[in-house]
Amino acid sequence: ANLPRRRKSTVTPMMLVSLLPVQMTHPEPMTAPASTAGHLELIV
């Protein structure tokens, strides 16, 4: 029963992300419209 299981990890080093807390300097809500046309690109 000493045979180790060799499963591939489902988490790769690229998937590990550390997010930092963000503090708003202006407590008033943003005035951006609820919906905008265009595109968004996130690289994480």
Full PDB file with SEQRES, HELIX, SHEET, SSBOND, CRYST1, ORIGX, SCALE, CONECT and MASTER records, all heavy atoms in Angstrom:
SEQRES   1 A   44  ALA ASN LEU PRO ARG ARG ARG LYS SER THR VAL THR PRO          
SEQRES   2 A   44  MET MET LEU VAL SER LEU LEU PRO VAL GLN MET THR HIS          
SEQRES   3 A   44  PRO GLU PRO MET THR ALA PRO ALA SER THR ALA GLY HIS          
SEQRES   4 A   44  LEU GLU LEU ILE VAL                                          
HELIX    1 AA1 PRO A   13  MET A   15  5                                   3    
CRYST1    1.000    1.000    1.000  90.00  90.00  90.00 P 1           1          
ORIGX1      1.000000  0.000000  0.000000        0.00000                         
ORIGX2      0.000000  1.000000  0.000000        0.00000                         
ORIGX3      0.000000  0.000000  1.000000        0.00000                         
SCALE1      1.000000  0.000000  0.000000        0.00000                         
SCALE2      0.000000  1.000000  0.000000        0.00000                         
SCALE3      0.000000  0.000000  1.000000        0.00000                         
ATOM      1  N   ALA A   1       0.830  -1.216   0.000  1.00  0.00           N  
ATOM      2  CA  ALA A   1       0.000   0.000   0.000  1.00  0.00           C  
ATOM      3  C   ALA A   1       0.854   1.251   0.000  1.00  0.00           C  
ATOM      4  O   ALA A   1       0.360   2.335   0.256  1.00  0.00           O  
ATOM      5  CB  ALA A   1      -0.919  -0.017   1.211  1.00  0.00           C  
ATOM      6  N   ASN A   2       2.146   1.127  -0.271  1.00  0.00           N  
ATOM      7  CA  ASN A   2       3.063   2.264  -0.202  1.00  0.00           C  
ATOM      8  C   ASN A   2       3.190   3.036  -1.501  1.00  0.00           C  
ATOM      9  O   ASN A   2       4.034   3.907  -1.613  1.00  0.00           O  
ATOM     10  CB  ASN A   2       4.456   1.791   0.233  1.00  0.00           C  
ATOM     11  CG  ASN A   2       4.422   1.148   1.587  1.00  0.00           C  
ATOM     12  OD1 ASN A   2       3.604   1.511   2.416  1.00  0.00           O  
ATOM     13  ND2 ASN A   2       5.298   0.192   1.811  1.00  0.00           N  
ATOM     14  N   LEU A   3       2.393   2.712  -2.492  1.00  0.00           N  
ATOM     15  CA  LEU A   3       2.492   3.403  -3.773  1.00  0.00           C  
ATOM     16  C   LEU A   3       1.824   4.767  -3.669  1.00  0.00           C  
ATOM     17  O   LEU A   3       0.642   4.861  -3.365  1.00  0.00           O  
ATOM     18  CB  LEU A   3       1.808   2.577  -4.878  1.00  0.00           C  
ATOM     19  CG  LEU A   3       1.916   3.117  -6.285  1.00  0.00           C  
ATOM     20  CD1 LEU A   3       3.366   3.103  -6.748  1.00  0.00           C  
ATOM     21  CD2 LEU A   3       1.084   2.287  -7.235  1.00  0.00           C  
ATOM     22  N   PRO A   4       2.582   5.846  -3.881  1.00  0.00           N  
ATOM     23  CA  PRO A   4       1.982   7.178  -3.766  1.00  0.00           C  
ATOM     24  C   PRO A   4       1.108   7.491  -4.970  1.00  0.00           C  
ATOM     25  O   PRO A   4       1.363   7.047  -6.076  1.00  0.00           O  
ATOM     26  CB  PRO A   4       3.204   8.114  -3.738  1.00  0.00           C  
ATOM     27  CG  PRO A   4       4.253   7.362  -4.477  1.00  0.00           C  
ATOM     28  CD  PRO A   4       3.991   5.900  -4.210  1.00  0.00           C  
ATOM     29  N   ARG A   5       0.054   8.261  -4.734  1.00  0.00           N  
ATOM     30  CA  ARG A   5      -0.799   8.715  -5.828  1.00  0.00           C  
ATOM     31  C   ARG A   5      -0.126   9.911  -6.466  1.00  0.00           C  
ATOM     32  O   ARG A   5       0.281  10.836  -5.792  1.00  0.00           O  
ATOM     33  CB  ARG A   5      -2.181   9.092  -5.323  1.00  0.00           C  
ATOM     34  CG  ARG A   5      -2.953   7.853  -4.930  1.00  0.00           C  
ATOM     35  CD  ARG A   5      -4.416   8.091  -4.846  1.00  0.00           C  
ATOM     36  NE  ARG A   5      -5.185   8.133  -6.055  1.00  0.00           N  
ATOM     37  CZ  ARG A   5      -5.518   7.104  -6.801  1.00  0.00           C  
ATOM     38  NH1 ARG A   5      -5.055   5.928  -6.521  1.00  0.00           N  
ATOM     39  NH2 ARG A   5      -6.299   7.255  -7.831  1.00  0.00           N  
ATOM     40  N   ARG A   6      -0.006   9.883  -7.782  1.00  0.00           N  
ATOM     41  CA  ARG A   6       0.654  10.979  -8.497  1.00  0.00           C  
ATOM     42  C   ARG A   6      -0.384  11.744  -9.288  1.00  0.00           C  
ATOM     43  O   ARG A   6      -0.493  11.604 -10.489  1.00  0.00           O  
ATOM     44  CB  ARG A   6       1.723  10.441  -9.440  1.00  0.00           C  
ATOM     45  CG  ARG A   6       2.889   9.850  -8.745  1.00  0.00           C  
ATOM     46  CD  ARG A   6       3.949   9.501  -9.754  1.00  0.00           C  
ATOM     47  NE  ARG A   6       4.480   8.193  -9.441  1.00  0.00           N  
ATOM     48  CZ  ARG A   6       4.941   7.346 -10.316  1.00  0.00           C  
ATOM     49  NH1 ARG A   6       4.954   7.641 -11.575  1.00  0.00           N  
ATOM     50  NH2 ARG A   6       5.397   6.183  -9.945  1.00  0.00           N  
ATOM     51  N   ARG A   7      -1.161  12.537  -8.600  1.00  0.00           N  
ATOM     52  CA  ARG A   7      -2.156  13.358  -9.292  1.00  0.00           C  
ATOM     53  C   ARG A   7      -1.539  14.696  -9.636  1.00  0.00           C  
ATOM     54  O   ARG A   7      -0.781  15.257  -8.857  1.00  0.00           O  
ATOM     55  CB  ARG A   7      -3.372  13.589  -8.410  1.00  0.00           C  
ATOM     56  CG  ARG A   7      -4.181  12.346  -8.237  1.00  0.00           C  
ATOM     57  CD  ARG A   7      -5.425  12.676  -7.500  1.00  0.00           C  
ATOM     58  NE  ARG A   7      -6.192  11.458  -7.418  1.00  0.00           N  
ATOM     59  CZ  ARG A   7      -7.462  11.385  -7.712  1.00  0.00           C  
ATOM     60  NH1 ARG A   7      -8.109  12.443  -8.067  1.00  0.00           N  
ATOM     61  NH2 ARG A   7      -8.104  10.255  -7.622  1.00  0.00           N  
ATOM     62  N   LYS A   8      -1.934  15.189 -10.775  1.00  0.00           N  
ATOM     63  CA  LYS A   8      -1.476  16.511 -11.161  1.00  0.00           C  
ATOM     64  C   LYS A   8      -2.275  17.538 -10.383  1.00  0.00           C  
ATOM     65  O   LYS A   8      -3.471  17.386 -10.181  1.00  0.00           O  
ATOM     66  CB  LYS A   8      -1.660  16.735 -12.657  1.00  0.00           C  
ATOM     67  CG  LYS A   8      -0.730  15.903 -13.488  1.00  0.00           C  
ATOM     68  CD  LYS A   8      -0.858  16.259 -14.926  1.00  0.00           C  
ATOM     69  CE  LYS A   8       0.111  15.444 -15.750  1.00  0.00           C  
ATOM     70  NZ  LYS A   8       0.041  15.758 -17.150  1.00  0.00           N  
ATOM     71  N   SER A   9      -1.610  18.564  -9.957  1.00  0.00           N  
ATOM     72  CA  SER A   9      -2.282  19.608  -9.209  1.00  0.00           C  
ATOM     73  C   SER A   9      -3.200  20.382 -10.138  1.00  0.00           C  
ATOM     74  O   SER A   9      -2.868  20.667 -11.286  1.00  0.00           O  
ATOM     75  CB  SER A   9      -1.240  20.548  -8.603  1.00  0.00           C  
ATOM     76  OG  SER A   9      -1.873  21.628  -7.979  1.00  0.00           O  
ATOM     77  N   THR A  10      -4.382  20.727  -9.631  1.00  0.00           N  
ATOM     78  CA  THR A  10      -5.302  21.511 -10.435  1.00  0.00           C  
ATOM     79  C   THR A  10      -4.976  22.998 -10.341  1.00  0.00           C  
ATOM     80  O   THR A  10      -5.482  23.783 -11.113  1.00  0.00           O  
ATOM     81  CB  THR A  10      -6.759  21.287  -9.987  1.00  0.00           C  
ATOM     82  OG1 THR A  10      -6.859  21.594  -8.595  1.00  0.00           O  
ATOM     83  CG2 THR A  10      -7.184  19.853 -10.233  1.00  0.00           C  
ATOM     84  N   VAL A  11      -4.134  23.366  -9.383  1.00  0.00           N  
ATOM     85  CA  VAL A  11      -3.737  24.759  -9.229  1.00  0.00           C  
ATOM     86  C   VAL A  11      -2.340  24.917  -9.794  1.00  0.00           C  
ATOM     87  O   VAL A  11      -1.411  24.264  -9.367  1.00  0.00           O  
ATOM     88  CB  VAL A  11      -3.760  25.188  -7.746  1.00  0.00           C  
ATOM     89  CG1 VAL A  11      -3.290  26.618  -7.592  1.00  0.00           C  
ATOM     90  CG2 VAL A  11      -5.140  25.013  -7.165  1.00  0.00           C  
ATOM     91  N   THR A  12      -2.215  25.765 -10.779  1.00  0.00           N  
ATOM     92  CA  THR A  12      -0.909  26.038 -11.357  1.00  0.00           C  
ATOM     93  C   THR A  12      -0.367  27.327 -10.762  1.00  0.00           C  
ATOM     94  O   THR A  12      -1.131  28.144 -10.263  1.00  0.00           O  
ATOM     95  CB  THR A  12      -1.010  26.181 -12.894  1.00  0.00           C  
ATOM     96  OG1 THR A  12      -1.872  27.284 -13.180  1.00  0.00           O  
ATOM     97  CG2 THR A  12      -1.544  24.909 -13.519  1.00  0.00           C  
ATOM     98  N   PRO A  13       0.936  27.534 -10.819  1.00  0.00           N  
ATOM     99  CA  PRO A  13       1.490  28.770 -10.257  1.00  0.00           C  
ATOM    100  C   PRO A  13       0.894  30.028 -10.857  1.00  0.00           C  
ATOM    101  O   PRO A  13       0.800  31.045 -10.204  1.00  0.00           O  
ATOM    102  CB  PRO A  13       2.981  28.672 -10.583  1.00  0.00           C  
ATOM    103  CG  PRO A  13       3.251  27.226 -10.730  1.00  0.00           C  
ATOM    104  CD  PRO A  13       1.979  26.636 -11.266  1.00  0.00           C  
ATOM    105  N   MET A  14       0.441  29.948 -12.128  1.00  0.00           N  
ATOM    106  CA  MET A  14      -0.141  31.131 -12.744  1.00  0.00           C  
ATOM    107  C   MET A  14      -1.495  31.487 -12.141  1.00  0.00           C  
ATOM    108  O   MET A  14      -1.932  32.605 -12.222  1.00  0.00           O  
ATOM    109  CB  MET A  14      -0.317  30.911 -14.247  1.00  0.00           C  
ATOM    110  CG  MET A  14       0.928  31.118 -15.035  1.00  0.00           C  
ATOM    111  SD  MET A  14       0.542  31.328 -16.746  1.00  0.00           S  
ATOM    112  CE  MET A  14       0.909  29.725 -17.348  1.00  0.00           C  
ATOM    113  N   MET A  15      -2.181  30.510 -11.532  1.00  0.00           N  
ATOM    114  CA  MET A  15      -3.500  30.765 -10.990  1.00  0.00           C  
ATOM    115  C   MET A  15      -3.447  31.434  -9.625  1.00  0.00           C  
ATOM    116  O   MET A  15      -4.435  31.974  -9.162  1.00  0.00           O  
ATOM    117  CB  MET A  15      -4.292  29.463 -10.878  1.00  0.00           C  
ATOM    118  CG  MET A  15      -4.686  28.888 -12.218  1.00  0.00           C  
ATOM    119  SD  MET A  15      -5.471  27.294 -12.091  1.00  0.00           S  
ATOM    120  CE  MET A  15      -6.946  27.686 -11.191  1.00  0.00           C  
ATOM    121  N   LEU A  16      -2.300  31.383  -8.962  1.00  0.00           N  
ATOM    122  CA  LEU A  16      -2.200  31.961  -7.641  1.00  0.00           C  
ATOM    123  C   LEU A  16      -2.079  33.478  -7.754  1.00  0.00           C  
ATOM    124  O   LEU A  16      -1.166  34.002  -8.365  1.00  0.00           O  
ATOM    125  CB  LEU A  16      -1.004  31.380  -6.893  1.00  0.00           C  
ATOM    126  CG  LEU A  16      -1.046  29.867  -6.682  1.00  0.00           C  
ATOM    127  CD1 LEU A  16       0.228  29.409  -6.010  1.00  0.00           C  
ATOM    128  CD2 LEU A  16      -2.252  29.480  -5.863  1.00  0.00           C  
ATOM    129  N   VAL A  17      -3.029  34.170  -7.174  1.00  0.00           N  
ATOM    130  CA  VAL A  17      -3.088  35.620  -7.270  1.00  0.00           C  
ATOM    131  C   VAL A  17      -3.255  36.173  -5.872  1.00  0.00           C  
ATOM    132  O   VAL A  17      -4.051  35.656  -5.088  1.00  0.00           O  
ATOM    133  CB  VAL A  17      -4.293  36.063  -8.135  1.00  0.00           C  
ATOM    134  CG1 VAL A  17      -4.390  37.570  -8.183  1.00  0.00           C  
ATOM    135  CG2 VAL A  17      -4.193  35.485  -9.518  1.00  0.00           C  
ATOM    136  N   SER A  18      -2.528  37.181  -5.548  1.00  0.00           N  
ATOM    137  CA  SER A  18      -2.759  37.838  -4.266  1.00  0.00           C  
ATOM    138  C   SER A  18      -3.398  39.191  -4.549  1.00  0.00           C  
ATOM    139  O   SER A  18      -2.866  40.003  -5.293  1.00  0.00           O  
ATOM    140  CB  SER A  18      -1.460  37.991  -3.489  1.00  0.00           C  
ATOM    141  OG  SER A  18      -0.519  38.710  -4.259  1.00  0.00           O  
ATOM    142  N   LEU A  19      -4.564  39.398  -3.969  1.00  0.00           N  
ATOM    143  CA  LEU A  19      -5.278  40.657  -4.139  1.00  0.00           C  
ATOM    144  C   LEU A  19      -5.048  41.513  -2.902  1.00  0.00           C  
ATOM    145  O   LEU A  19      -5.118  41.022  -1.773  1.00  0.00           O  
ATOM    146  CB  LEU A  19      -6.774  40.412  -4.344  1.00  0.00           C  
ATOM    147  CG  LEU A  19      -7.130  39.599  -5.584  1.00  0.00           C  
ATOM    148  CD1 LEU A  19      -8.627  39.366  -5.620  1.00  0.00           C  
ATOM    149  CD2 LEU A  19      -6.697  40.317  -6.842  1.00  0.00           C  
ATOM    150  N   LEU A  20      -4.764  42.760  -3.124  1.00  0.00           N  
ATOM    151  CA  LEU A  20      -4.514  43.679  -2.026  1.00  0.00           C  
ATOM    152  C   LEU A  20      -5.774  44.477  -1.734  1.00  0.00           C  
ATOM    153  O   LEU A  20      -6.520  44.832  -2.649  1.00  0.00           O  
ATOM    154  CB  LEU A  20      -3.375  44.628  -2.389  1.00  0.00           C  
ATOM    155  CG  LEU A  20      -2.038  43.961  -2.717  1.00  0.00           C  
ATOM    156  CD1 LEU A  20      -1.035  45.004  -3.189  1.00  0.00           C  
ATOM    157  CD2 LEU A  20      -1.506  43.221  -1.519  1.00  0.00           C  
ATOM    158  N   PRO A  21      -6.033  44.770  -0.472  1.00  0.00           N  
ATOM    159  CA  PRO A  21      -7.210  45.586  -0.165  1.00  0.00           C  
ATOM    160  C   PRO A  21      -7.018  46.998  -0.698  1.00  0.00           C  
ATOM    161  O   PRO A  21      -5.919  47.544  -0.700  1.00  0.00           O  
ATOM    162  CB  PRO A  21      -7.273  45.570   1.359  1.00  0.00           C  
ATOM    163  CG  PRO A  21      -5.918  45.166   1.805  1.00  0.00           C  
ATOM    164  CD  PRO A  21      -5.309  44.368   0.709  1.00  0.00           C  
ATOM    165  N   VAL A  22      -8.106  47.573  -1.170  1.00  0.00           N  
ATOM    166  CA  VAL A  22      -8.073  48.915  -1.746  1.00  0.00           C  
ATOM    167  C   VAL A  22      -8.931  49.826  -0.884  1.00  0.00           C  
ATOM    168  O   VAL A  22     -10.046  49.468  -0.500  1.00  0.00           O  
ATOM    169  CB  VAL A  22      -8.616  48.902  -3.194  1.00  0.00           C  
ATOM    170  CG1 VAL A  22      -8.669  50.305  -3.757  1.00  0.00           C  
ATOM    171  CG2 VAL A  22      -7.759  48.003  -4.058  1.00  0.00           C  
ATOM    172  N   GLN A  23      -8.421  51.000  -0.564  1.00  0.00           N  
ATOM    173  CA  GLN A  23      -9.194  51.974   0.194  1.00  0.00           C  
ATOM    174  C   GLN A  23      -9.529  53.132  -0.716  1.00  0.00           C  
ATOM    175  O   GLN A  23      -8.680  53.638  -1.445  1.00  0.00           O  
ATOM    176  CB  GLN A  23      -8.401  52.468   1.395  1.00  0.00           C  
ATOM    177  CG  GLN A  23      -8.161  51.382   2.427  1.00  0.00           C  
ATOM    178  CD  GLN A  23      -7.407  51.910   3.628  1.00  0.00           C  
ATOM    179  OE1 GLN A  23      -6.871  53.003   3.600  1.00  0.00           O  
ATOM    180  NE2 GLN A  23      -7.366  51.118   4.680  1.00  0.00           N  
ATOM    181  N   MET A  24     -10.799  53.521  -0.677  1.00  0.00           N  
ATOM    182  CA  MET A  24     -11.257  54.644  -1.496  1.00  0.00           C  
ATOM    183  C   MET A  24     -10.842  55.943  -0.806  1.00  0.00           C  
ATOM    184  O   MET A  24     -10.997  56.094   0.400  1.00  0.00           O  
ATOM    185  CB  MET A  24     -12.775  54.610  -1.649  1.00  0.00           C  
ATOM    186  CG  MET A  24     -13.321  53.357  -2.271  1.00  0.00           C  
ATOM    187  SD  MET A  24     -13.388  53.393  -4.052  1.00  0.00           S  
ATOM    188  CE  MET A  24     -14.369  54.809  -4.370  1.00  0.00           C  
ATOM    189  N   THR A  25     -10.327  56.875  -1.582  1.00  0.00           N  
ATOM    190  CA  THR A  25      -9.977  58.175  -1.014  1.00  0.00           C  
ATOM    191  C   THR A  25     -11.178  59.105  -1.022  1.00  0.00           C  
ATOM    192  O   THR A  25     -11.230  60.056  -0.272  1.00  0.00           O  
ATOM    193  CB  THR A  25      -8.826  58.810  -1.802  1.00  0.00           C  
ATOM    194  OG1 THR A  25      -9.192  58.884  -3.169  1.00  0.00           O  
ATOM    195  CG2 THR A  25      -7.558  57.986  -1.636  1.00  0.00           C  
ATOM    196  N   HIS A  26     -12.169  58.816  -1.902  1.00  0.00           N  
ATOM    197  CA  HIS A  26     -13.384  59.625  -1.985  1.00  0.00           C  
ATOM    198  C   HIS A  26     -14.572  58.740  -1.612  1.00  0.00           C  
ATOM    199  O   HIS A  26     -14.944  57.858  -2.372  1.00  0.00           O  
ATOM    200  CB  HIS A  26     -13.580  60.175  -3.405  1.00  0.00           C  
ATOM    201  CG  HIS A  26     -12.414  60.992  -3.873  1.00  0.00           C  
ATOM    202  ND1 HIS A  26     -12.158  62.240  -3.387  1.00  0.00           N  
ATOM    203  CD2 HIS A  26     -11.436  60.718  -4.769  1.00  0.00           C  
ATOM    204  CE1 HIS A  26     -11.067  62.707  -3.970  1.00  0.00           C  
ATOM    205  NE2 HIS A  26     -10.603  61.805  -4.807  1.00  0.00           N  
ATOM    206  N   PRO A  27     -15.180  58.962  -0.461  1.00  0.00           N  
ATOM    207  CA  PRO A  27     -16.265  58.101  -0.033  1.00  0.00           C  
ATOM    208  C   PRO A  27     -17.555  58.266  -0.833  1.00  0.00           C  
ATOM    209  O   PRO A  27     -18.416  57.416  -0.785  1.00  0.00           O  
ATOM    210  CB  PRO A  27     -16.487  58.493   1.427  1.00  0.00           C  
ATOM    211  CG  PRO A  27     -15.891  59.833   1.580  1.00  0.00           C  
ATOM    212  CD  PRO A  27     -14.821  59.949   0.541  1.00  0.00           C  
ATOM    213  N   GLU A  28     -17.700  59.325  -1.594  1.00  0.00           N  
ATOM    214  CA  GLU A  28     -18.935  59.530  -2.369  1.00  0.00           C  
ATOM    215  C   GLU A  28     -18.991  58.540  -3.533  1.00  0.00           C  
ATOM    216  O   GLU A  28     -17.964  58.147  -4.089  1.00  0.00           O  
ATOM    217  CB  GLU A  28     -19.054  60.971  -2.883  1.00  0.00           C  
ATOM    218  CG  GLU A  28     -18.025  61.380  -3.917  1.00  0.00           C  
ATOM    219  CD  GLU A  28     -16.761  61.959  -3.303  1.00  0.00           C  
ATOM    220  OE1 GLU A  28     -16.682  62.108  -2.081  1.00  0.00           O  
ATOM    221  OE2 GLU A  28     -15.859  62.276  -4.069  1.00  0.00           O  
ATOM    222  N   PRO A  29     -20.182  58.075  -3.897  1.00  0.00           N  
ATOM    223  CA  PRO A  29     -20.318  57.096  -4.979  1.00  0.00           C  
ATOM    224  C   PRO A  29     -19.877  57.672  -6.316  1.00  0.00           C  
ATOM    225  O   PRO A  29     -19.980  58.870  -6.563  1.00  0.00           O  
ATOM    226  CB  PRO A  29     -21.799  56.743  -4.983  1.00  0.00           C  
ATOM    227  CG  PRO A  29     -22.473  57.869  -4.269  1.00  0.00           C  
ATOM    228  CD  PRO A  29     -21.461  58.462  -3.332  1.00  0.00           C  
ATOM    229  N   MET A  30     -19.406  56.795  -7.180  1.00  0.00           N  
ATOM    230  CA  MET A  30     -18.981  57.212  -8.512  1.00  0.00           C  
ATOM    231  C   MET A  30     -20.200  57.533  -9.352  1.00  0.00           C  
ATOM    232  O   MET A  30     -21.269  56.949  -9.177  1.00  0.00           O  
ATOM    233  CB  MET A  30     -18.150  56.104  -9.162  1.00  0.00           C  
ATOM    234  CG  MET A  30     -16.853  55.849  -8.412  1.00  0.00           C  
ATOM    235  SD  MET A  30     -15.828  54.501  -8.995  1.00  0.00           S  
ATOM    236  CE  MET A  30     -16.117  54.382 -10.691  1.00  0.00           C  
ATOM    237  N   THR A  31     -20.041  58.425 -10.291  1.00  0.00           N  
ATOM    238  CA  THR A  31     -21.163  58.853 -11.114  1.00  0.00           C  
ATOM    239  C   THR A  31     -21.170  58.187 -12.482  1.00  0.00           C  
ATOM    240  O   THR A  31     -21.814  58.665 -13.395  1.00  0.00           O  
ATOM    241  CB  THR A  31     -21.127  60.387 -11.292  1.00  0.00           C  
ATOM    242  OG1 THR A  31     -19.873  60.727 -11.889  1.00  0.00           O  
ATOM    243  CG2 THR A  31     -21.284  61.099  -9.964  1.00  0.00           C  
ATOM    244  N   ALA A  32     -20.468  57.074 -12.625  1.00  0.00           N  
ATOM    245  CA  ALA A  32     -20.436  56.376 -13.911  1.00  0.00           C  
ATOM    246  C   ALA A  32     -21.793  55.746 -14.177  1.00  0.00           C  
ATOM    247  O   ALA A  32     -22.503  55.345 -13.252  1.00  0.00           O  
ATOM    248  CB  ALA A  32     -19.365  55.302 -13.892  1.00  0.00           C  
ATOM    249  N   PRO A  33     -22.198  55.670 -15.436  1.00  0.00           N  
ATOM    250  CA  PRO A  33     -23.485  55.054 -15.753  1.00  0.00           C  
ATOM    251  C   PRO A  33     -23.476  53.564 -15.396  1.00  0.00           C  
ATOM    252  O   PRO A  33     -22.419  52.940 -15.316  1.00  0.00           O  
ATOM    253  CB  PRO A  33     -23.627  55.260 -17.263  1.00  0.00           C  
ATOM    254  CG  PRO A  33     -22.254  55.529 -17.758  1.00  0.00           C  
ATOM    255  CD  PRO A  33     -21.503  56.142 -16.613  1.00  0.00           C  
ATOM    256  N   ALA A  34     -24.656  52.991 -15.201  1.00  0.00           N  
ATOM    257  CA  ALA A  34     -24.779  51.591 -14.825  1.00  0.00           C  
ATOM    258  C   ALA A  34     -24.322  50.669 -15.943  1.00  0.00           C  
ATOM    259  O   ALA A  34     -23.913  49.552 -15.706  1.00  0.00           O  
ATOM    260  CB  ALA A  34     -26.217  51.283 -14.434  1.00  0.00           C  
ATOM    261  N   SER A  35     -24.392  51.120 -17.171  1.00  0.00           N  
ATOM    262  CA  SER A  35     -24.011  50.286 -18.303  1.00  0.00           C  
ATOM    263  C   SER A  35     -23.281  51.148 -19.320  1.00  0.00           C  
ATOM    264  O   SER A  35     -23.711  52.250 -19.618  1.00  0.00           O  
ATOM    265  CB  SER A  35     -25.263  49.671 -18.924  1.00  0.00           C  
ATOM    266  OG  SER A  35     -24.953  49.056 -20.138  1.00  0.00           O  
ATOM    267  N   THR A  36     -22.171  50.648 -19.832  1.00  0.00           N  
ATOM    268  CA  THR A  36     -21.424  51.375 -20.851  1.00  0.00           C  
ATOM    269  C   THR A  36     -21.104  50.440 -22.002  1.00  0.00           C  
ATOM    270  O   THR A  36     -20.969  49.244 -21.824  1.00  0.00           O  
ATOM    271  CB  THR A  36     -20.096  51.928 -20.277  1.00  0.00           C  
ATOM    272  OG1 THR A  36     -19.316  50.836 -19.816  1.00  0.00           O  
ATOM    273  CG2 THR A  36     -20.328  52.896 -19.149  1.00  0.00           C  
ATOM    274  N   ALA A  37     -21.002  51.003 -23.194  1.00  0.00           N  
ATOM    275  CA  ALA A  37     -20.625  50.211 -24.362  1.00  0.00           C  
ATOM    276  C   ALA A  37     -19.115  50.294 -24.522  1.00  0.00           C  
ATOM    277  O   ALA A  37     -18.508  51.315 -24.247  1.00  0.00           O  
ATOM    278  CB  ALA A  37     -21.325  50.744 -25.600  1.00  0.00           C  
ATOM    279  N   GLY A  38     -18.519  49.228 -24.968  1.00  0.00           N  
ATOM    280  CA  GLY A  38     -17.081  49.213 -25.162  1.00  0.00           C  
ATOM    281  C   GLY A  38     -16.530  47.843 -24.870  1.00  0.00           C  
ATOM    282  O   GLY A  38     -17.190  46.838 -25.088  1.00  0.00           O  
ATOM    283  N   HIS A  39     -15.323  47.817 -24.343  1.00  0.00           N  
ATOM    284  CA  HIS A  39     -14.741  46.525 -23.974  1.00  0.00           C  
ATOM    285  C   HIS A  39     -13.882  46.690 -22.736  1.00  0.00           C  
ATOM    286  O   HIS A  39     -13.448  47.783 -22.398  1.00  0.00           O  
ATOM    287  CB  HIS A  39     -13.943  45.932 -25.131  1.00  0.00           C  
ATOM    288  CG  HIS A  39     -12.648  46.630 -25.396  1.00  0.00           C  
ATOM    289  ND1 HIS A  39     -12.558  47.766 -26.159  1.00  0.00           N  
ATOM    290  CD2 HIS A  39     -11.399  46.351 -24.973  1.00  0.00           C  
ATOM    291  CE1 HIS A  39     -11.295  48.159 -26.204  1.00  0.00           C  
ATOM    292  NE2 HIS A  39     -10.569  47.316 -25.492  1.00  0.00           N  
ATOM    293  N   LEU A  40     -13.664  45.563 -22.077  1.00  0.00           N  
ATOM    294  CA  LEU A  40     -12.870  45.525 -20.872  1.00  0.00           C  
ATOM    295  C   LEU A  40     -11.898  44.370 -21.000  1.00  0.00           C  
ATOM    296  O   LEU A  40     -12.264  43.296 -21.462  1.00  0.00           O  
ATOM    297  CB  LEU A  40     -13.770  45.304 -19.640  1.00  0.00           C  
ATOM    298  CG  LEU A  40     -13.074  45.079 -18.305  1.00  0.00           C  
ATOM    299  CD1 LEU A  40     -12.394  46.361 -17.844  1.00  0.00           C  
ATOM    300  CD2 LEU A  40     -14.073  44.612 -17.275  1.00  0.00           C  
ATOM    301  N   GLU A  41     -10.666  44.597 -20.614  1.00  0.00           N  
ATOM    302  CA  GLU A  41      -9.657  43.542 -20.657  1.00  0.00           C  
ATOM    303  C   GLU A  41      -8.954  43.481 -19.316  1.00  0.00           C  
ATOM    304  O   GLU A  41      -8.395  44.457 -18.858  1.00  0.00           O  
ATOM    305  CB  GLU A  41      -8.651  43.831 -21.777  1.00  0.00           C  
ATOM    306  CG  GLU A  41      -7.642  42.740 -21.959  1.00  0.00           C  
ATOM    307  CD  GLU A  41      -6.770  42.971 -23.190  1.00  0.00           C  
ATOM    308  OE1 GLU A  41      -7.293  43.353 -24.238  1.00  0.00           O  
ATOM    309  OE2 GLU A  41      -5.552  42.749 -23.057  1.00  0.00           O  
ATOM    310  N   LEU A  42      -9.042  42.309 -18.665  1.00  0.00           N  
ATOM    311  CA  LEU A  42      -8.373  42.086 -17.386  1.00  0.00           C  
ATOM    312  C   LEU A  42      -7.289  41.041 -17.591  1.00  0.00           C  
ATOM    313  O   LEU A  42      -7.530  40.014 -18.205  1.00  0.00           O  
ATOM    314  CB  LEU A  42      -9.355  41.554 -16.336  1.00  0.00           C  
ATOM    315  CG  LEU A  42     -10.504  42.455 -15.930  1.00  0.00           C  
ATOM    316  CD1 LEU A  42     -11.487  41.685 -15.081  1.00  0.00           C  
ATOM    317  CD2 LEU A  42      -9.971  43.641 -15.156  1.00  0.00           C  
ATOM    318  N   ILE A  43      -6.113  41.303 -17.070  1.00  0.00           N  
ATOM    319  CA  ILE A  43      -5.040  40.309 -17.110  1.00  0.00           C  
ATOM    320  C   ILE A  43      -4.719  39.965 -15.667  1.00  0.00           C  
ATOM    321  O   ILE A  43      -4.236  40.802 -14.913  1.00  0.00           O  
ATOM    322  CB  ILE A  43      -3.795  40.836 -17.850  1.00  0.00           C  
ATOM    323  CG1 ILE A  43      -4.168  41.221 -19.279  1.00  0.00           C  
ATOM    324  CG2 ILE A  43      -2.692  39.802 -17.819  1.00  0.00           C  
ATOM    325  CD1 ILE A  43      -3.058  41.891 -20.041  1.00  0.00           C  
ATOM    326  N   VAL A  44      -5.031  38.712 -15.296  1.00  0.00           N  
ATOM    327  CA  VAL A  44      -4.821  38.250 -13.929  1.00  0.00           C  
ATOM    328  C   VAL A  44      -3.968  36.997 -13.990  1.00  0.00           C  
ATOM    329  O   VAL A  44      -4.378  35.998 -14.568  1.00  0.00           O  
ATOM    330  CB  VAL A  44      -6.167  37.956 -13.231  1.00  0.00           C  
ATOM    331  CG1 VAL A  44      -5.936  37.454 -11.822  1.00  0.00           C  
ATOM    332  CG2 VAL A  44      -7.049  39.188 -13.226  1.00  0.00           C  
TER     333      VAL A  44                                                      
MASTER        0    0    0    1    0    0    0    6  332    1    0    4          
END                                                                             
